[in-house]
N, C-alpha and C. Protein backbone atom coordinates (compact mmCIF):
# COMPACT_ATOMS: atom_id res chain seq x y z
N UNK A 1 96.34 -113.87 -23.06
CA UNK A 1 95.01 -114.24 -22.65
C UNK A 1 94.08 -114.40 -23.86
N UNK A 2 94.20 -113.54 -24.87
CA UNK A 2 93.34 -113.62 -26.05
C UNK A 2 93.56 -114.93 -26.80
N UNK A 3 94.78 -115.43 -26.79
CA UNK A 3 95.08 -116.68 -27.48
C UNK A 3 94.37 -117.86 -26.82
N UNK A 4 94.27 -117.87 -25.51
CA UNK A 4 93.57 -118.95 -24.80
C UNK A 4 92.07 -118.90 -25.10
N UNK A 5 91.49 -117.74 -25.28
CA UNK A 5 90.07 -117.62 -25.60
C UNK A 5 89.78 -118.13 -27.00
N UNK A 6 90.70 -117.98 -27.94
CA UNK A 6 90.51 -118.45 -29.31
C UNK A 6 90.37 -119.97 -29.38
N UNK A 7 90.93 -120.69 -28.44
CA UNK A 7 90.87 -122.14 -28.45
C UNK A 7 89.45 -122.66 -28.25
N UNK A 8 88.61 -121.91 -27.56
CA UNK A 8 87.28 -122.39 -27.22
C UNK A 8 86.17 -121.63 -27.93
N UNK A 9 86.48 -120.93 -29.01
CA UNK A 9 85.46 -120.18 -29.71
C UNK A 9 84.39 -121.08 -30.31
N UNK A 10 84.75 -122.20 -30.87
CA UNK A 10 83.81 -123.12 -31.49
C UNK A 10 83.82 -124.44 -30.74
N UNK A 11 83.01 -124.53 -29.73
CA UNK A 11 82.92 -125.73 -28.91
C UNK A 11 81.85 -126.65 -29.47
N UNK A 12 82.17 -127.93 -29.66
CA UNK A 12 81.23 -128.93 -30.17
C UNK A 12 81.02 -130.00 -29.11
N UNK A 13 79.78 -130.28 -28.78
CA UNK A 13 79.47 -131.32 -27.79
C UNK A 13 79.45 -132.68 -28.49
N UNK A 14 80.18 -133.63 -27.95
CA UNK A 14 80.19 -134.98 -28.51
C UNK A 14 79.34 -135.93 -27.69
N UNK A 15 79.15 -135.62 -26.41
CA UNK A 15 78.24 -136.42 -25.58
C UNK A 15 77.61 -135.51 -24.53
N UNK A 16 76.33 -135.72 -24.31
CA UNK A 16 75.56 -134.95 -23.32
C UNK A 16 74.63 -135.91 -22.58
N UNK A 17 74.15 -135.46 -21.43
CA UNK A 17 73.23 -136.27 -20.65
C UNK A 17 71.87 -136.30 -21.33
N UNK A 18 71.33 -137.50 -21.53
CA UNK A 18 70.00 -137.68 -22.12
C UNK A 18 69.02 -138.02 -21.00
N UNK A 19 67.98 -137.21 -20.82
CA UNK A 19 67.02 -137.50 -19.74
C UNK A 19 66.20 -138.77 -20.00
N UNK A 20 66.02 -139.13 -21.24
CA UNK A 20 65.24 -140.33 -21.55
C UNK A 20 66.06 -141.61 -21.31
N UNK A 21 67.33 -141.59 -21.76
CA UNK A 21 68.21 -142.75 -21.55
C UNK A 21 68.80 -142.78 -20.14
N UNK A 22 68.74 -141.64 -19.46
CA UNK A 22 69.25 -141.46 -18.09
C UNK A 22 70.75 -141.71 -17.98
N UNK A 23 71.50 -141.30 -18.99
CA UNK A 23 72.96 -141.38 -18.96
C UNK A 23 73.52 -140.49 -20.06
N UNK A 24 74.82 -140.28 -20.00
CA UNK A 24 75.48 -139.49 -21.04
C UNK A 24 75.60 -140.36 -22.29
N UNK A 25 75.18 -139.82 -23.42
CA UNK A 25 75.22 -140.55 -24.68
C UNK A 25 75.88 -139.69 -25.75
N UNK A 26 76.24 -140.32 -26.84
CA UNK A 26 76.79 -139.59 -27.99
C UNK A 26 75.68 -138.71 -28.57
N UNK A 27 76.08 -137.60 -29.16
CA UNK A 27 75.10 -136.68 -29.73
C UNK A 27 75.32 -136.51 -31.22
N UNK A 28 74.27 -136.10 -31.89
CA UNK A 28 74.34 -135.72 -33.30
C UNK A 28 73.92 -134.26 -33.39
N UNK A 29 74.62 -133.50 -34.20
CA UNK A 29 74.32 -132.09 -34.39
C UNK A 29 73.39 -131.97 -35.59
N UNK A 30 72.24 -131.33 -35.39
CA UNK A 30 71.23 -131.21 -36.44
C UNK A 30 70.96 -129.74 -36.70
N UNK A 31 71.04 -129.32 -37.97
CA UNK A 31 70.79 -127.93 -38.35
C UNK A 31 69.29 -127.66 -38.28
N UNK A 32 68.91 -126.62 -37.53
CA UNK A 32 67.50 -126.25 -37.41
C UNK A 32 67.13 -125.07 -38.30
N UNK A 33 67.90 -123.99 -38.19
CA UNK A 33 67.60 -122.76 -38.92
C UNK A 33 68.87 -122.13 -39.45
N UNK A 34 68.75 -121.49 -40.62
CA UNK A 34 69.83 -120.68 -41.15
C UNK A 34 69.35 -119.24 -41.07
N UNK A 35 69.96 -118.47 -40.18
CA UNK A 35 69.54 -117.10 -39.89
C UNK A 35 70.56 -116.10 -40.42
N UNK A 36 70.16 -114.83 -40.63
CA UNK A 36 71.12 -113.83 -41.10
C UNK A 36 72.30 -113.64 -40.17
N UNK A 37 72.11 -113.83 -38.88
CA UNK A 37 73.18 -113.63 -37.91
C UNK A 37 73.96 -114.90 -37.59
N UNK A 38 73.59 -116.03 -38.14
CA UNK A 38 74.24 -117.30 -37.85
C UNK A 38 73.26 -118.45 -37.98
N UNK A 39 73.69 -119.63 -37.65
CA UNK A 39 72.86 -120.82 -37.77
C UNK A 39 72.52 -121.39 -36.40
N UNK A 40 71.34 -121.97 -36.28
CA UNK A 40 70.90 -122.57 -35.03
C UNK A 40 70.92 -124.09 -35.20
N UNK A 41 71.57 -124.76 -34.25
CA UNK A 41 71.71 -126.21 -34.27
C UNK A 41 71.06 -126.82 -33.04
N UNK A 42 70.66 -128.07 -33.17
CA UNK A 42 70.10 -128.83 -32.07
C UNK A 42 70.97 -130.07 -31.89
N UNK A 43 71.28 -130.41 -30.64
CA UNK A 43 71.99 -131.65 -30.35
C UNK A 43 70.95 -132.68 -29.93
N UNK A 44 70.96 -133.85 -30.58
CA UNK A 44 70.03 -134.91 -30.24
C UNK A 44 70.79 -136.16 -29.82
N UNK A 45 70.17 -136.95 -28.95
CA UNK A 45 70.76 -138.21 -28.49
C UNK A 45 70.89 -139.14 -29.69
N UNK A 46 72.05 -139.75 -29.86
CA UNK A 46 72.29 -140.65 -30.99
C UNK A 46 71.53 -141.96 -30.83
N UNK A 47 71.08 -142.28 -29.63
CA UNK A 47 70.39 -143.54 -29.39
C UNK A 47 68.87 -143.43 -29.51
N UNK A 48 68.28 -142.39 -28.90
CA UNK A 48 66.81 -142.31 -28.90
C UNK A 48 66.27 -141.10 -29.67
N UNK A 49 67.10 -140.13 -30.03
CA UNK A 49 66.67 -138.97 -30.79
C UNK A 49 66.09 -137.83 -29.98
N UNK A 50 66.18 -137.89 -28.66
CA UNK A 50 65.68 -136.83 -27.79
C UNK A 50 66.60 -135.60 -27.89
N UNK A 51 66.00 -134.41 -27.95
CA UNK A 51 66.79 -133.18 -27.96
C UNK A 51 67.46 -133.02 -26.60
N UNK A 52 68.79 -132.86 -26.60
CA UNK A 52 69.54 -132.75 -25.34
C UNK A 52 70.30 -131.44 -25.21
N UNK A 53 70.25 -130.58 -26.21
CA UNK A 53 70.95 -129.30 -26.14
C UNK A 53 70.84 -128.54 -27.44
N UNK A 54 71.41 -127.36 -27.47
CA UNK A 54 71.37 -126.53 -28.66
C UNK A 54 72.56 -125.60 -28.74
N UNK A 55 72.72 -125.01 -29.91
CA UNK A 55 73.85 -124.10 -30.14
C UNK A 55 73.46 -123.14 -31.25
N UNK A 56 73.90 -121.89 -31.12
CA UNK A 56 73.76 -120.90 -32.18
C UNK A 56 75.14 -120.35 -32.47
N UNK A 57 75.56 -120.43 -33.73
CA UNK A 57 76.86 -119.85 -34.07
C UNK A 57 76.65 -118.46 -34.65
N UNK A 58 77.70 -117.71 -34.79
CA UNK A 58 77.62 -116.33 -35.26
C UNK A 58 78.25 -116.17 -36.64
N UNK A 59 78.19 -117.21 -37.46
CA UNK A 59 78.80 -117.18 -38.79
C UNK A 59 77.70 -117.03 -39.85
N UNK A 60 77.54 -115.86 -40.46
CA UNK A 60 76.46 -115.65 -41.42
C UNK A 60 76.75 -116.19 -42.83
N UNK A 61 77.86 -116.87 -43.06
CA UNK A 61 78.20 -117.32 -44.41
C UNK A 61 77.20 -118.34 -44.95
N UNK A 62 76.64 -119.20 -44.10
CA UNK A 62 75.65 -120.18 -44.58
C UNK A 62 74.39 -119.47 -45.05
N UNK A 63 73.99 -118.39 -44.39
CA UNK A 63 72.81 -117.64 -44.80
C UNK A 63 73.05 -117.01 -46.17
N UNK A 64 74.20 -116.40 -46.35
CA UNK A 64 74.49 -115.73 -47.63
C UNK A 64 74.65 -116.74 -48.75
N UNK A 65 75.04 -117.97 -48.45
CA UNK A 65 75.16 -119.00 -49.48
C UNK A 65 73.80 -119.48 -49.96
N UNK A 66 72.73 -119.28 -49.17
CA UNK A 66 71.40 -119.72 -49.56
C UNK A 66 70.71 -118.73 -50.50
N UNK A 67 71.20 -117.52 -50.59
CA UNK A 67 70.60 -116.53 -51.49
C UNK A 67 70.93 -116.86 -52.93
N UNK A 68 69.97 -116.66 -53.80
CA UNK A 68 70.21 -116.90 -55.23
C UNK A 68 71.14 -115.82 -55.78
N UNK A 69 71.99 -116.16 -56.76
CA UNK A 69 72.88 -115.14 -57.35
C UNK A 69 72.05 -114.03 -58.00
N UNK A 70 72.46 -112.80 -57.79
CA UNK A 70 71.80 -111.66 -58.38
C UNK A 70 70.63 -111.12 -57.57
N UNK A 71 70.22 -111.80 -56.54
CA UNK A 71 69.08 -111.36 -55.74
C UNK A 71 69.53 -110.48 -54.59
N UNK A 72 70.74 -110.67 -54.13
CA UNK A 72 71.25 -109.95 -52.96
C UNK A 72 71.21 -108.44 -53.19
N UNK A 73 70.53 -107.73 -52.30
CA UNK A 73 70.52 -106.27 -52.36
C UNK A 73 69.48 -105.69 -53.29
N UNK A 74 68.73 -106.52 -54.04
CA UNK A 74 67.74 -106.01 -54.96
C UNK A 74 66.40 -105.92 -54.26
N UNK A 75 65.68 -104.80 -54.36
CA UNK A 75 64.39 -104.68 -53.68
C UNK A 75 63.34 -105.60 -54.30
N UNK A 76 62.37 -105.98 -53.49
CA UNK A 76 61.29 -106.84 -53.98
C UNK A 76 60.35 -106.02 -54.85
N UNK A 77 59.85 -106.64 -55.94
CA UNK A 77 58.89 -105.97 -56.83
C UNK A 77 57.48 -106.40 -56.44
N UNK A 78 56.55 -105.47 -56.48
CA UNK A 78 55.16 -105.84 -56.22
C UNK A 78 54.53 -106.33 -57.51
N UNK A 79 53.63 -107.31 -57.44
CA UNK A 79 53.01 -107.88 -58.65
C UNK A 79 52.09 -106.95 -59.37
């Protein structure tokens, strides 16, 4: 059973219903935020750009890649 769950851990939407176009259209995944607990994405209609869905992943590696080298774990200094 655990093996079947692993197949759907990272689901990507390729087409979703667009309320503006009034039909299912292709989507583009757009990065909104890089958070400590994962990244937040928005799915937009490829034809008109309307937001049609969203996703938050639980992979913090993108957040840690944005930190400058040597800054991680060092306390902030007051001026």
